[in-house]
Amino acid sequence: MIRIELGIEDLANMRFGISPLSEAVRSLRAFSDPVQHTLHLPWLRTIRPSLPATDVALLEALIGPSRIPAEYRGVPSTAIADFLTPVPRRFVERFEDELDVVHRTPPDIVRRDLLASHAPDPVPEPLRGAERRDRRTTLRLLDTICGALERFWQLAMASVWPQMRLVLEADTTYRARQLATGGARLLFADIHPNVQWSDGALSITEMVGRHTIPAGRGMLMMPSIFAPKPVPPLHPDEPPSLAYPSRGIGTLWAPPARPDPAALVDLLGRTRTLLIQMLEEPLPTIEIARRMKVTPSAISQHLQVLHATGLLARARDGRQVLYRRTAVADELAQPRVTP
């Protein structure tokens, strides 16, 4: 179990961050073990054929073995070198900026983290350079890793990152509201069954870990598409952070609803017809945009028009505005049966 003590300064300095590089690295778990990540199979089937074989061997080697003792059940938690998942400095980082941070990692940290992620086993063959205490060898290995990650991003992640980002941003909106309305206890209440908040400390069970005291350094919360369980840093010197499974992952790869090819599309247009069909239940703008795979600003004008014409009702829920179709729109959305 890992126990993270959070004082007043830590809670005051708590923030959320979204890291495209960390998501790319964590996605390698799903890539190397798709059986444990069946939700992502639609995406995995499209990317594997496009990746060079040499990159695949190296990328899979970056994922360490399970760090969970045999007596624990459930999804195993694999270790990832901390230098591959740098702490986001902004709310949403750019992949290129984060990769540059990784590229500038000191060789001794690269060796330390790669060896720790596979301990007590030796590192796999593609990472054997990490076992040599030679600066040039380590830097060449780091160049190779960064090159493979950049190709992986371009071939597998860049095109789908916008919809992933919407899922992650929707989660942070929800978590921020939990923190604002119920404090740390409510924030951590439904993050994961392995996470418990009690007596000023965050406990993460089913992990081989350590007693950690952030000592006023704050706490970074990072929702993740690919983290099956809460993931703290591997090394005790790293800043306190917690990557955790994001809400809404189950609908990430679902295709958007298709409009009914009837007169309603001719009347309202494809986008507004999709909105009418979707809003059988109340949804906030950011979730609507995520499902439509567009930005919130791109959808807000359509929502305003449909509300002004009486086809959508809206109500405020805290800081969010929820939209739902009205009874008139319910009638419009029903399929017509031709006698």
C-alpha atoms as a PDB file:
ATOM      1  CA  MET A   1       0.000   0.000   0.000  1.00  0.00           C
ATOM      2  CA  ILE A   2       1.093   3.552  -0.714  1.00  0.00           C
ATOM      3  CA  ARG A   3       0.061   6.264   1.739  1.00  0.00           C
ATOM      4  CA  ILE A   4       0.317   9.918   0.712  1.00  0.00           C
ATOM      5  CA  GLU A   5      -0.101  12.429   3.516  1.00  0.00           C
ATOM      6  CA  LEU A   6      -1.662  15.698   2.371  1.00  0.00           C
ATOM      7  CA  GLY A   7      -1.427  18.766   4.576  1.00  0.00           C
ATOM      8  CA  ILE A   8      -3.186  22.092   4.197  1.00  0.00           C
ATOM      9  CA  GLU A   9      -0.501  23.398   1.802  1.00  0.00           C
ATOM     10  CA  ASP A  10      -0.752  20.248  -0.318  1.00  0.00           C
ATOM     11  CA  LEU A  11      -4.520  20.593  -0.663  1.00  0.00           C
ATOM     12  CA  ALA A  12      -4.154  24.305  -1.403  1.00  0.00           C
ATOM     13  CA  ASN A  13      -1.667  23.487  -4.177  1.00  0.00           C
ATOM     14  CA  MET A  14      -3.635  20.590  -5.640  1.00  0.00           C
ATOM     15  CA  ARG A  15      -4.174  20.904  -9.391  1.00  0.00           C
ATOM     16  CA  PHE A  16      -5.186  18.916 -12.457  1.00  0.00           C
ATOM     17  CA  GLY A  17      -3.057  18.254 -15.512  1.00  0.00           C
ATOM     18  CA  ILE A  18      -3.461  16.531 -18.883  1.00  0.00           C
ATOM     19  CA  SER A  19      -0.372  15.031 -20.492  1.00  0.00           C
ATOM     20  CA  PRO A  20      -0.470  13.765 -24.100  1.00  0.00           C
ATOM     21  CA  LEU A  21       2.965  12.142 -23.740  1.00  0.00           C
ATOM     22  CA  SER A  22       1.951  10.305 -20.574  1.00  0.00           C
ATOM     23  CA  GLU A  23      -1.171   9.049 -22.324  1.00  0.00           C
ATOM     24  CA  ALA A  24       0.908   7.851 -25.288  1.00  0.00           C
ATOM     25  CA  VAL A  25       3.280   6.013 -22.947  1.00  0.00           C
ATOM     26  CA  ARG A  26       0.477   4.505 -20.861  1.00  0.00           C
ATOM     27  CA  SER A  27      -1.299   3.387 -24.032  1.00  0.00           C
ATOM     28  CA  LEU A  28       1.624   1.023 -24.582  1.00  0.00           C
ATOM     29  CA  ARG A  29       0.061  -1.149 -21.868  1.00  0.00           C
ATOM     30  CA  ALA A  30      -2.988  -1.646 -24.061  1.00  0.00           C
ATOM     31  CA  PHE A  31      -0.793  -2.075 -27.107  1.00  0.00           C
ATOM     32  CA  SER A  32       1.295  -4.850 -25.518  1.00  0.00           C
ATOM     33  CA  ASP A  33      -1.593  -6.577 -23.676  1.00  0.00           C
ATOM     34  CA  PRO A  34      -4.873  -5.905 -25.533  1.00  0.00           C
ATOM     35  CA  VAL A  35      -6.699  -8.674 -23.628  1.00  0.00           C
ATOM     36  CA  GLN A  36      -6.617  -6.502 -20.500  1.00  0.00           C
ATOM     37  CA  HIS A  37      -7.811  -3.438 -22.450  1.00  0.00           C
ATOM     38  CA  THR A  38     -10.723  -4.639 -24.551  1.00  0.00           C
ATOM     39  CA  LEU A  39     -12.376  -1.198 -24.539  1.00  0.00           C
ATOM     40  CA  HIS A  40      -9.569   0.038 -26.776  1.00  0.00           C
ATOM     41  CA  LEU A  41      -9.668  -2.796 -29.320  1.00  0.00           C
ATOM     42  CA  PRO A  42     -11.289  -0.634 -32.054  1.00  0.00           C
ATOM     43  CA  TRP A  43      -8.325   1.741 -31.824  1.00  0.00           C
ATOM     44  CA  LEU A  44      -5.692  -0.978 -31.420  1.00  0.00           C
ATOM     45  CA  ARG A  45      -6.825  -2.810 -34.567  1.00  0.00           C
ATOM     46  CA  THR A  46      -6.213   0.293 -36.648  1.00  0.00           C
ATOM     47  CA  ILE A  47      -2.733   1.210 -35.390  1.00  0.00           C
ATOM     48  CA  ARG A  48      -0.709  -1.989 -35.035  1.00  0.00           C
ATOM     49  CA  PRO A  49      -0.226  -2.648 -38.790  1.00  0.00           C
ATOM     50  CA  SER A  50       1.188   0.863 -39.300  1.00  0.00           C
ATOM     51  CA  LEU A  51       4.036   0.672 -36.750  1.00  0.00           C
ATOM     52  CA  PRO A  52       7.604  -0.425 -37.653  1.00  0.00           C
ATOM     53  CA  ALA A  53       8.557  -3.770 -36.086  1.00  0.00           C
ATOM     54  CA  THR A  54      11.693  -2.346 -34.479  1.00  0.00           C
ATOM     55  CA  ASP A  55       9.642   0.377 -32.797  1.00  0.00           C
ATOM     56  CA  VAL A  56       7.137  -2.171 -31.509  1.00  0.00           C
ATOM     57  CA  ALA A  57       9.871  -4.192 -29.765  1.00  0.00           C
ATOM     58  CA  LEU A  58      11.351  -1.088 -28.136  1.00  0.00           C
ATOM     59  CA  LEU A  59       8.022   0.421 -27.099  1.00  0.00           C
ATOM     60  CA  GLU A  60       6.805  -2.808 -25.534  1.00  0.00           C
ATOM     61  CA  ALA A  61      10.086  -3.038 -23.611  1.00  0.00           C
ATOM     62  CA  LEU A  62       9.303   0.300 -21.932  1.00  0.00           C
ATOM     63  CA  ILE A  63       6.446  -1.342 -20.019  1.00  0.00           C
ATOM     64  CA  GLY A  64       7.772  -3.061 -16.921  1.00  0.00           C
ATOM     65  CA  PRO A  65       6.393  -6.265 -15.394  1.00  0.00           C
ATOM     66  CA  SER A  66       3.566  -6.305 -12.881  1.00  0.00           C
ATOM     67  CA  ARG A  67       4.379  -4.739  -9.521  1.00  0.00           C
ATOM     68  CA  ILE A  68       1.391  -6.410  -7.850  1.00  0.00           C
ATOM     69  CA  PRO A  69       1.996  -9.366  -5.501  1.00  0.00           C
ATOM     70  CA  ALA A  70       0.423 -12.631  -6.600  1.00  0.00           C
ATOM     71  CA  GLU A  71      -2.164 -12.554  -3.815  1.00  0.00           C
ATOM     72  CA  TYR A  72      -3.838  -9.450  -5.262  1.00  0.00           C
ATOM     73  CA  ARG A  73      -6.545  -9.878  -7.853  1.00  0.00           C
ATOM     74  CA  GLY A  74      -7.702  -7.747 -10.732  1.00  0.00           C
ATOM     75  CA  VAL A  75      -5.873  -5.811 -13.410  1.00  0.00           C
ATOM     76  CA  PRO A  76      -2.098  -5.908 -12.854  1.00  0.00           C
ATOM     77  CA  SER A  77      -0.287  -2.590 -12.478  1.00  0.00           C
ATOM     78  CA  THR A  78       2.828  -2.366 -14.605  1.00  0.00           C
ATOM     79  CA  ALA A  79       5.724  -0.028 -13.942  1.00  0.00           C
ATOM     80  CA  ILE A  80       6.702   2.816 -16.252  1.00  0.00           C
ATOM     81  CA  ALA A  81       9.910   4.820 -15.964  1.00  0.00           C
ATOM     82  CA  ASP A  82       9.095   8.183 -14.374  1.00  0.00           C
ATOM     83  CA  PHE A  83      11.175  10.211 -16.838  1.00  0.00           C
ATOM     84  CA  LEU A  84       8.819   9.071 -19.641  1.00  0.00           C
ATOM     85  CA  THR A  85       5.840  10.722 -17.927  1.00  0.00           C
ATOM     86  CA  PRO A  86       7.027  14.238 -16.976  1.00  0.00           C
ATOM     87  CA  VAL A  87       4.805  16.334 -14.726  1.00  0.00           C
ATOM     88  CA  PRO A  88       2.619  18.706 -16.823  1.00  0.00           C
ATOM     89  CA  ARG A  89       3.515  22.331 -16.193  1.00  0.00           C
ATOM     90  CA  ARG A  90       0.222  23.578 -17.670  1.00  0.00           C
ATOM     91  CA  PHE A  91      -3.334  22.255 -17.527  1.00  0.00           C
ATOM     92  CA  VAL A  92      -2.948  20.732 -21.007  1.00  0.00           C
ATOM     93  CA  GLU A  93       0.552  20.195 -22.350  1.00  0.00           C
ATOM     94  CA  ARG A  94       1.745  19.858 -25.939  1.00  0.00           C
ATOM     95  CA  PHE A  95       3.275  16.525 -26.933  1.00  0.00           C
ATOM     96  CA  GLU A  96       6.268  18.212 -28.596  1.00  0.00           C
ATOM     97  CA  ASP A  97       7.105  20.197 -25.449  1.00  0.00           C
ATOM     98  CA  GLU A  98       6.897  17.151 -23.226  1.00  0.00           C
ATOM     99  CA  LEU A  99       9.028  15.041 -25.561  1.00  0.00           C
ATOM    100  CA  ASP A 100      11.663  17.780 -25.444  1.00  0.00           C
ATOM    101  CA  VAL A 101      11.669  17.505 -21.632  1.00  0.00           C
ATOM    102  CA  VAL A 102      12.216  13.748 -21.911  1.00  0.00           C
ATOM    103  CA  HIS A 103      15.008  14.275 -24.450  1.00  0.00           C
ATOM    104  CA  ARG A 104      16.844  16.463 -21.917  1.00  0.00           C
ATOM    105  CA  THR A 105      16.683  13.888 -19.097  1.00  0.00           C
ATOM    106  CA  PRO A 106      20.109  13.384 -17.457  1.00  0.00           C
ATOM    107  CA  PRO A 107      21.620   9.969 -18.342  1.00  0.00           C
ATOM    108  CA  ASP A 108      21.809   8.842 -14.708  1.00  0.00           C
ATOM    109  CA  ILE A 109      18.051   9.428 -14.299  1.00  0.00           C
ATOM    110  CA  VAL A 110      17.347   7.507 -17.517  1.00  0.00           C
ATOM    111  CA  ARG A 111      19.362   4.538 -16.226  1.00  0.00           C
ATOM    112  CA  ARG A 112      17.826   4.748 -12.751  1.00  0.00           C
ATOM    113  CA  ASP A 113      14.234   4.798 -13.992  1.00  0.00           C
ATOM    114  CA  LEU A 114      14.591   2.116 -16.684  1.00  0.00           C
ATOM    115  CA  LEU A 115      16.280  -0.273 -14.260  1.00  0.00           C
ATOM    116  CA  ALA A 116      13.702   0.463 -11.520  1.00  0.00           C
ATOM    117  CA  SER A 117      10.754  -0.143 -13.866  1.00  0.00           C
ATOM    118  CA  HIS A 118      11.934  -3.728 -14.465  1.00  0.00           C
ATOM    119  CA  ALA A 119      13.492  -4.532 -11.079  1.00  0.00           C
ATOM    120  CA  PRO A 120      14.308  -7.087  -9.828  1.00  0.00           C
ATOM    121  CA  ASP A 121      14.448  -8.502 -13.387  1.00  0.00           C
ATOM    122  CA  PRO A 122      17.021  -7.338 -15.930  1.00  0.00           C
ATOM    123  CA  VAL A 123      15.833  -4.909 -18.574  1.00  0.00           C
ATOM    124  CA  PRO A 124      14.681  -6.407 -21.916  1.00  0.00           C
ATOM    125  CA  GLU A 125      17.093  -6.658 -24.820  1.00  0.00           C
ATOM    126  CA  PRO A 126      16.106  -3.365 -26.535  1.00  0.00           C
ATOM    127  CA  LEU A 127      16.991  -1.494 -23.301  1.00  0.00           C
ATOM    128  CA  ARG A 128      20.244  -3.273 -22.448  1.00  0.00           C
ATOM    129  CA  GLY A 129      22.169  -0.050 -22.966  1.00  0.00           C
ATOM    130  CA  ALA A 130      20.703   1.173 -19.663  1.00  0.00           C
ATOM    131  CA  GLU A 131      22.775  -1.412 -17.779  1.00  0.00           C
ATOM    132  CA  ARG A 132      26.033   0.181 -18.902  1.00  0.00           C
ATOM    133  CA  ARG A 133      27.251   3.188 -16.943  1.00  0.00           C
ATOM    134  CA  ASP A 134      28.322   4.934 -20.091  1.00  0.00           C
ATOM    135  CA  ARG A 135      26.980   8.385 -20.854  1.00  0.00           C
ATOM    136  CA  ARG A 136      27.169   8.086 -24.642  1.00  0.00           C
ATOM    137  CA  THR A 137      25.445   4.705 -24.670  1.00  0.00           C
ATOM    138  CA  THR A 138      22.625   6.044 -22.497  1.00  0.00           C
ATOM    139  CA  LEU A 139      22.185   9.152 -24.637  1.00  0.00           C
ATOM    140  CA  ARG A 140      21.985   7.027 -27.806  1.00  0.00           C
ATOM    141  CA  LEU A 141      19.359   4.862 -26.129  1.00  0.00           C
ATOM    142  CA  LEU A 142      17.431   7.979 -25.087  1.00  0.00           C
ATOM    143  CA  ASP A 143      17.534   9.295 -28.674  1.00  0.00           C
ATOM    144  CA  THR A 144      16.196   5.960 -29.921  1.00  0.00           C
ATOM    145  CA  ILE A 145      13.380   5.932 -27.363  1.00  0.00           C
ATOM    146  CA  CYS A 146      12.347   9.516 -28.179  1.00  0.00           C
ATOM    147  CA  GLY A 147      12.363   8.761 -31.903  1.00  0.00           C
ATOM    148  CA  ALA A 148      10.139   5.719 -31.430  1.00  0.00           C
ATOM    149  CA  LEU A 149       7.736   7.690 -29.204  1.00  0.00           C
ATOM    150  CA  GLU A 150       7.491  10.503 -31.744  1.00  0.00           C
ATOM    151  CA  ARG A 151       6.662   8.045 -34.559  1.00  0.00           C
ATOM    152  CA  PHE A 152       4.145   6.291 -32.310  1.00  0.00           C
ATOM    153  CA  TRP A 153       2.451   9.614 -31.562  1.00  0.00           C
ATOM    154  CA  GLN A 154       2.201  10.592 -35.219  1.00  0.00           C
ATOM    155  CA  LEU A 155       0.987   7.190 -36.412  1.00  0.00           C
ATOM    156  CA  ALA A 156      -1.270   6.163 -33.525  1.00  0.00           C
ATOM    157  CA  MET A 157      -2.259   9.093 -31.315  1.00  0.00           C
ATOM    158  CA  ALA A 158      -2.227  12.485 -33.035  1.00  0.00           C
ATOM    159  CA  SER A 159      -5.441  11.986 -35.026  1.00  0.00           C
ATOM    160  CA  VAL A 160      -7.465  10.741 -32.024  1.00  0.00           C
ATOM    161  CA  TRP A 161      -5.963  13.010 -29.362  1.00  0.00           C
ATOM    162  CA  PRO A 162      -8.669  15.710 -29.706  1.00  0.00           C
ATOM    163  CA  GLN A 163     -11.427  13.277 -28.715  1.00  0.00           C
ATOM    164  CA  MET A 164      -9.263  11.812 -25.937  1.00  0.00           C
ATOM    165  CA  ARG A 165      -8.611  15.313 -24.642  1.00  0.00           C
ATOM    166  CA  LEU A 166     -12.343  16.050 -24.476  1.00  0.00           C
ATOM    167  CA  VAL A 167     -12.872  12.939 -22.329  1.00  0.00           C
ATOM    168  CA  LEU A 168     -10.070  13.982 -19.972  1.00  0.00           C
ATOM    169  CA  GLU A 169     -11.250  17.601 -19.742  1.00  0.00           C
ATOM    170  CA  ALA A 170     -14.781  16.441 -18.959  1.00  0.00           C
ATOM    171  CA  ASP A 171     -13.372  14.373 -16.089  1.00  0.00           C
ATOM    172  CA  THR A 172     -11.465  17.328 -14.637  1.00  0.00           C
ATOM    173  CA  THR A 173     -14.640  19.432 -14.768  1.00  0.00           C
ATOM    174  CA  TYR A 174     -16.457  16.780 -12.774  1.00  0.00           C
ATOM    175  CA  ARG A 175     -13.599  16.353 -10.260  1.00  0.00           C
ATOM    176  CA  ALA A 176     -13.223  20.100  -9.739  1.00  0.00           C
ATOM    177  CA  ARG A 177     -16.914  20.305  -8.933  1.00  0.00           C
ATOM    178  CA  GLN A 178     -16.576  17.412  -6.458  1.00  0.00           C
ATOM    179  CA  LEU A 179     -13.695  19.213  -4.757  1.00  0.00           C
ATOM    180  CA  ALA A 180     -15.586  22.515  -4.665  1.00  0.00           C
ATOM    181  CA  THR A 181     -18.765  21.030  -3.193  1.00  0.00           C
ATOM    182  CA  GLY A 182     -17.404  18.332  -0.882  1.00  0.00           C
ATOM    183  CA  GLY A 183     -13.691  18.870  -0.379  1.00  0.00           C
ATOM    184  CA  ALA A 184     -11.017  16.193  -0.658  1.00  0.00           C
ATOM    185  CA  ARG A 185     -13.274  13.474   0.747  1.00  0.00           C
ATOM    186  CA  LEU A 186     -15.793  13.849  -2.084  1.00  0.00           C
ATOM    187  CA  LEU A 187     -13.053  14.340  -4.687  1.00  0.00           C
ATOM    188  CA  PHE A 188     -11.471  10.963  -3.905  1.00  0.00           C
ATOM    189  CA  ALA A 189     -14.721   9.123  -3.108  1.00  0.00           C
ATOM    190  CA  ASP A 190     -15.296   7.596  -6.556  1.00  0.00           C
ATOM    191  CA  ILE A 191     -11.904   7.795  -8.266  1.00  0.00           C
ATOM    192  CA  HIS A 192     -11.230   4.066  -7.804  1.00  0.00           C
ATOM    193  CA  PRO A 193     -12.016   1.341  -5.227  1.00  0.00           C
ATOM    194  CA  ASN A 194      -8.298   1.169  -4.366  1.00  0.00           C
ATOM    195  CA  VAL A 195      -8.202   4.827  -3.299  1.00  0.00           C
ATOM    196  CA  GLN A 196      -9.348   5.843   0.181  1.00  0.00           C
ATOM    197  CA  TRP A 197      -9.177   9.231   1.906  1.00  0.00           C
ATOM    198  CA  SER A 198      -8.959   9.168   5.701  1.00  0.00           C
ATOM    199  CA  ASP A 199      -7.332  11.231   8.448  1.00  0.00           C
ATOM    200  CA  GLY A 200      -5.581  13.592   6.061  1.00  0.00           C
ATOM    201  CA  ALA A 201      -3.978  10.871   3.971  1.00  0.00           C
ATOM    202  CA  LEU A 202      -4.607   9.207   0.635  1.00  0.00           C
ATOM    203  CA  SER A 203      -4.142   5.425   0.686  1.00  0.00           C
ATOM    204  CA  ILE A 204      -3.698   3.398  -2.506  1.00  0.00           C
ATOM    205  CA  THR A 205      -4.091  -0.323  -1.897  1.00  0.00           C
ATOM    206  CA  GLU A 206      -2.982  -3.325  -3.951  1.00  0.00           C
ATOM    207  CA  MET A 207       0.365  -1.729  -4.704  1.00  0.00           C
ATOM    208  CA  VAL A 208       3.917  -2.402  -3.634  1.00  0.00           C
ATOM    209  CA  GLY A 209       4.865   1.005  -2.349  1.00  0.00           C
ATOM    210  CA  ARG A 210       6.145   3.274   0.362  1.00  0.00           C
ATOM    211  CA  HIS A 211       5.020   5.789   2.939  1.00  0.00           C
ATOM    212  CA  THR A 212       5.146   9.173   1.203  1.00  0.00           C
ATOM    213  CA  ILE A 213       4.944  12.660   2.707  1.00  0.00           C
ATOM    214  CA  PRO A 214       4.513  15.386   0.046  1.00  0.00           C
ATOM    215  CA  ALA A 215       5.689  18.014   2.582  1.00  0.00           C
ATOM    216  CA  GLY A 216       3.896  20.967   1.049  1.00  0.00           C
ATOM    217  CA  ARG A 217       4.742  20.168  -2.577  1.00  0.00           C
ATOM    218  CA  GLY A 218       1.083  19.927  -3.571  1.00  0.00           C
ATOM    219  CA  MET A 219      -0.627  17.128  -5.469  1.00  0.00           C
ATOM    220  CA  LEU A 220      -1.098  16.723  -9.217  1.00  0.00           C
ATOM    221  CA  MET A 221      -4.192  14.820 -10.378  1.00  0.00           C
ATOM    222  CA  MET A 222      -4.077  13.395 -13.917  1.00  0.00           C
ATOM    223  CA  PRO A 223      -7.080  11.615 -15.452  1.00  0.00           C
ATOM    224  CA  SER A 224      -5.982   8.902 -17.852  1.00  0.00           C
ATOM    225  CA  ILE A 225      -7.554   7.000 -20.719  1.00  0.00           C
ATOM    226  CA  PHE A 226      -5.145   4.092 -20.354  1.00  0.00           C
ATOM    227  CA  ALA A 227      -4.411   3.776 -16.619  1.00  0.00           C
ATOM    228  CA  PRO A 228      -6.469   0.768 -15.413  1.00  0.00           C
ATOM    229  CA  LYS A 229      -5.682   1.595 -11.778  1.00  0.00           C
ATOM    230  CA  PRO A 230      -4.406   4.614  -9.827  1.00  0.00           C
ATOM    231  CA  VAL A 231      -0.722   5.177 -10.626  1.00  0.00           C
ATOM    232  CA  PRO A 232       1.585   7.200  -8.336  1.00  0.00           C
ATOM    233  CA  PRO A 233       5.215   7.948  -9.287  1.00  0.00           C
ATOM    234  CA  LEU A 234       7.611   5.000  -9.280  1.00  0.00           C
ATOM    235  CA  HIS A 235      10.460   6.825  -7.516  1.00  0.00           C
ATOM    236  CA  PRO A 236      10.041   8.491  -4.088  1.00  0.00           C
ATOM    237  CA  ASP A 237      11.909  11.653  -5.169  1.00  0.00           C
ATOM    238  CA  GLU A 238       9.355  12.508  -7.860  1.00  0.00           C
ATOM    239  CA  PRO A 239       6.724  15.199  -7.099  1.00  0.00           C
ATOM    240  CA  PRO A 240       3.497  13.744  -5.654  1.00  0.00           C
ATOM    241  CA  SER A 241       0.991  12.906  -8.380  1.00  0.00           C
ATOM    242  CA  LEU A 242      -1.748  10.441  -9.133  1.00  0.00           C
ATOM    243  CA  ALA A 243      -2.843   9.247 -12.559  1.00  0.00           C
ATOM    244  CA  TYR A 244      -6.262   7.630 -12.347  1.00  0.00           C
ATOM    245  CA  PRO A 245      -8.843   6.093 -14.728  1.00  0.00           C
ATOM    246  CA  SER A 246     -10.904   8.833 -16.348  1.00  0.00           C
ATOM    247  CA  ARG A 247     -14.670   8.855 -16.498  1.00  0.00           C
ATOM    248  CA  GLY A 248     -16.302   8.356 -19.894  1.00  0.00           C
ATOM    249  CA  ILE A 249     -13.767   5.919 -21.373  1.00  0.00           C
ATOM    250  CA  GLY A 250     -16.498   3.445 -22.310  1.00  0.00           C
ATOM    251  CA  THR A 251     -17.927   5.787 -24.939  1.00  0.00           C
ATOM    252  CA  LEU A 252     -14.595   6.990 -26.346  1.00  0.00           C
ATOM    253  CA  TRP A 253     -14.514   4.767 -29.422  1.00  0.00           C
ATOM    254  CA  ALA A 254     -18.274   4.581 -29.946  1.00  0.00           C
ATOM    255  CA  PRO A 255     -19.286   6.086 -33.292  1.00  0.00           C
ATOM    256  CA  PRO A 256     -21.461   9.198 -33.071  1.00  0.00           C
ATOM    257  CA  ALA A 257     -25.175   8.664 -33.506  1.00  0.00           C
ATOM    258  CA  ARG A 258     -26.272   8.657 -37.137  1.00  0.00           C
ATOM    259  CA  PRO A 259     -29.091  10.991 -38.151  1.00  0.00           C
ATOM    260  CA  ASP A 260     -32.404   9.559 -39.259  1.00  0.00           C
ATOM    261  CA  PRO A 261     -32.444   9.978 -43.048  1.00  0.00           C
ATOM    262  CA  ALA A 262     -35.875  11.584 -42.938  1.00  0.00           C
ATOM    263  CA  ALA A 263     -37.381  15.023 -43.288  1.00  0.00           C
ATOM    264  CA  LEU A 264     -36.018  16.098 -39.891  1.00  0.00           C
ATOM    265  CA  VAL A 265     -32.494  16.249 -41.328  1.00  0.00           C
ATOM    266  CA  ASP A 266     -33.713  18.401 -44.200  1.00  0.00           C
ATOM    267  CA  LEU A 267     -35.480  20.672 -41.739  1.00  0.00           C
ATOM    268  CA  LEU A 268     -32.810  21.077 -39.069  1.00  0.00           C
ATOM    269  CA  GLY A 269     -29.591  19.932 -40.694  1.00  0.00           C
ATOM    270  CA  ARG A 270     -27.427  16.960 -39.698  1.00  0.00           C
ATOM    271  CA  THR A 271     -25.802  18.497 -36.603  1.00  0.00           C
ATOM    272  CA  ARG A 272     -29.019  19.745 -34.993  1.00  0.00           C
ATOM    273  CA  THR A 273     -30.771  16.474 -35.761  1.00  0.00           C
ATOM    274  CA  LEU A 274     -27.944  14.605 -34.010  1.00  0.00           C
ATOM    275  CA  LEU A 275     -28.339  16.906 -31.000  1.00  0.00           C
ATOM    276  CA  ILE A 276     -32.074  16.278 -30.808  1.00  0.00           C
ATOM    277  CA  GLN A 277     -31.505  12.516 -30.978  1.00  0.00           C
ATOM    278  CA  MET A 278     -28.686  12.608 -28.415  1.00  0.00           C
ATOM    279  CA  LEU A 279     -30.338  14.762 -25.761  1.00  0.00           C
ATOM    280  CA  GLU A 280     -32.878  12.270 -24.510  1.00  0.00           C
ATOM    281  CA  GLU A 281     -31.062  12.727 -21.178  1.00  0.00           C
ATOM    282  CA  PRO A 282     -29.638  15.966 -19.698  1.00  0.00           C
ATOM    283  CA  LEU A 283     -26.014  16.579 -20.720  1.00  0.00           C
ATOM    284  CA  PRO A 284     -23.553  19.479 -20.246  1.00  0.00           C
ATOM    285  CA  THR A 285     -22.033  21.226 -23.243  1.00  0.00           C
ATOM    286  CA  ILE A 286     -18.585  19.684 -22.787  1.00  0.00           C
ATOM    287  CA  GLU A 287     -20.005  16.142 -22.792  1.00  0.00           C
ATOM    288  CA  ILE A 288     -22.153  16.886 -25.853  1.00  0.00           C
ATOM    289  CA  ALA A 289     -19.067  18.197 -27.657  1.00  0.00           C
ATOM    290  CA  ARG A 290     -17.072  15.120 -26.667  1.00  0.00           C
ATOM    291  CA  ARG A 291     -19.666  12.747 -28.059  1.00  0.00           C
ATOM    292  CA  MET A 292     -19.935  14.783 -31.247  1.00  0.00           C
ATOM    293  CA  LYS A 293     -16.125  14.898 -31.457  1.00  0.00           C
ATOM    294  CA  VAL A 294     -16.014  18.679 -31.827  1.00  0.00           C
ATOM    295  CA  THR A 295     -15.084  21.591 -29.553  1.00  0.00           C
ATOM    296  CA  PRO A 296     -17.657  23.076 -27.130  1.00  0.00           C
ATOM    297  CA  SER A 297     -17.587  26.403 -28.995  1.00  0.00           C
ATOM    298  CA  ALA A 298     -18.481  24.625 -32.243  1.00  0.00           C
ATOM    299  CA  ILE A 299     -21.664  23.220 -30.739  1.00  0.00           C
ATOM    300  CA  SER A 300     -22.847  26.072 -28.490  1.00  0.00           C
ATOM    301  CA  GLN A 301     -24.528  28.073 -31.295  1.00  0.00           C
ATOM    302  CA  HIS A 302     -26.590  25.046 -32.335  1.00  0.00           C
ATOM    303  CA  LEU A 303     -27.664  24.530 -28.721  1.00  0.00           C
ATOM    304  CA  GLN A 304     -28.719  28.176 -28.421  1.00  0.00           C
ATOM    305  CA  VAL A 305     -30.804  28.019 -31.613  1.00  0.00           C
ATOM    306  CA  LEU A 306     -32.537  24.798 -30.565  1.00  0.00           C
ATOM    307  CA  HIS A 307     -33.255  26.274 -27.143  1.00  0.00           C
ATOM    308  CA  ALA A 308     -34.633  29.490 -28.640  1.00  0.00           C
ATOM    309  CA  THR A 309     -37.022  27.503 -30.852  1.00  0.00           C
ATOM    310  CA  GLY A 310     -38.331  25.430 -27.933  1.00  0.00           C
ATOM    311  CA  LEU A 311     -36.706  22.154 -28.973  1.00  0.00           C
ATOM    312  CA  LEU A 312     -34.259  22.075 -26.064  1.00  0.00           C
ATOM    313  CA  ALA A 313     -34.727  22.910 -22.400  1.00  0.00           C
ATOM    314  CA  ARG A 314     -31.798  23.959 -20.259  1.00  0.00           C
ATOM    315  CA  ALA A 315     -31.121  24.183 -16.549  1.00  0.00           C
ATOM    316  CA  ARG A 316     -28.117  25.206 -14.491  1.00  0.00           C
ATOM    317  CA  ASP A 317     -26.437  22.568 -12.303  1.00  0.00           C
ATOM    318  CA  GLY A 318     -23.682  24.288 -10.336  1.00  0.00           C
ATOM    319  CA  ARG A 319     -21.313  25.764 -12.919  1.00  0.00           C
ATOM    320  CA  GLN A 320     -22.664  23.619 -15.738  1.00  0.00           C
ATOM    321  CA  VAL A 321     -25.649  24.168 -18.005  1.00  0.00           C
ATOM    322  CA  LEU A 322     -27.503  20.967 -18.832  1.00  0.00           C
ATOM    323  CA  TYR A 323     -29.505  20.571 -22.064  1.00  0.00           C
ATOM    324  CA  ARG A 324     -32.330  18.140 -22.733  1.00  0.00           C
ATOM    325  CA  ARG A 325     -34.816  17.913 -25.561  1.00  0.00           C
ATOM    326  CA  THR A 326     -38.367  19.088 -24.867  1.00  0.00           C
ATOM    327  CA  ALA A 327     -41.635  17.198 -25.358  1.00  0.00           C
ATOM    328  CA  VAL A 328     -41.962  18.795 -28.802  1.00  0.00           C
ATOM    329  CA  ALA A 329     -38.522  17.490 -29.749  1.00  0.00           C
ATOM    330  CA  ASP A 330     -39.444  14.070 -28.314  1.00  0.00           C
ATOM    331  CA  GLU A 331     -42.205  13.900 -30.879  1.00  0.00           C
ATOM    332  CA  LEU A 332     -39.888  14.960 -33.675  1.00  0.00           C
ATOM    333  CA  ALA A 333     -37.285  12.376 -32.691  1.00  0.00           C
ATOM    334  CA  GLN A 334     -39.725   9.463 -32.813  1.00  0.00           C
ATOM    335  CA  PRO A 335     -39.434   7.350 -35.984  1.00  0.00           C
ATOM    336  CA  ARG A 336     -42.415   7.689 -38.305  1.00  0.00           C
ATOM    337  CA  VAL A 337     -44.216   4.600 -39.493  1.00  0.00           C
ATOM    338  CA  THR A 338     -45.636   4.895 -42.998  1.00  0.00           C
ATOM    339  CA  PRO A 339     -49.030   3.155 -43.276  1.00  0.00           C
END
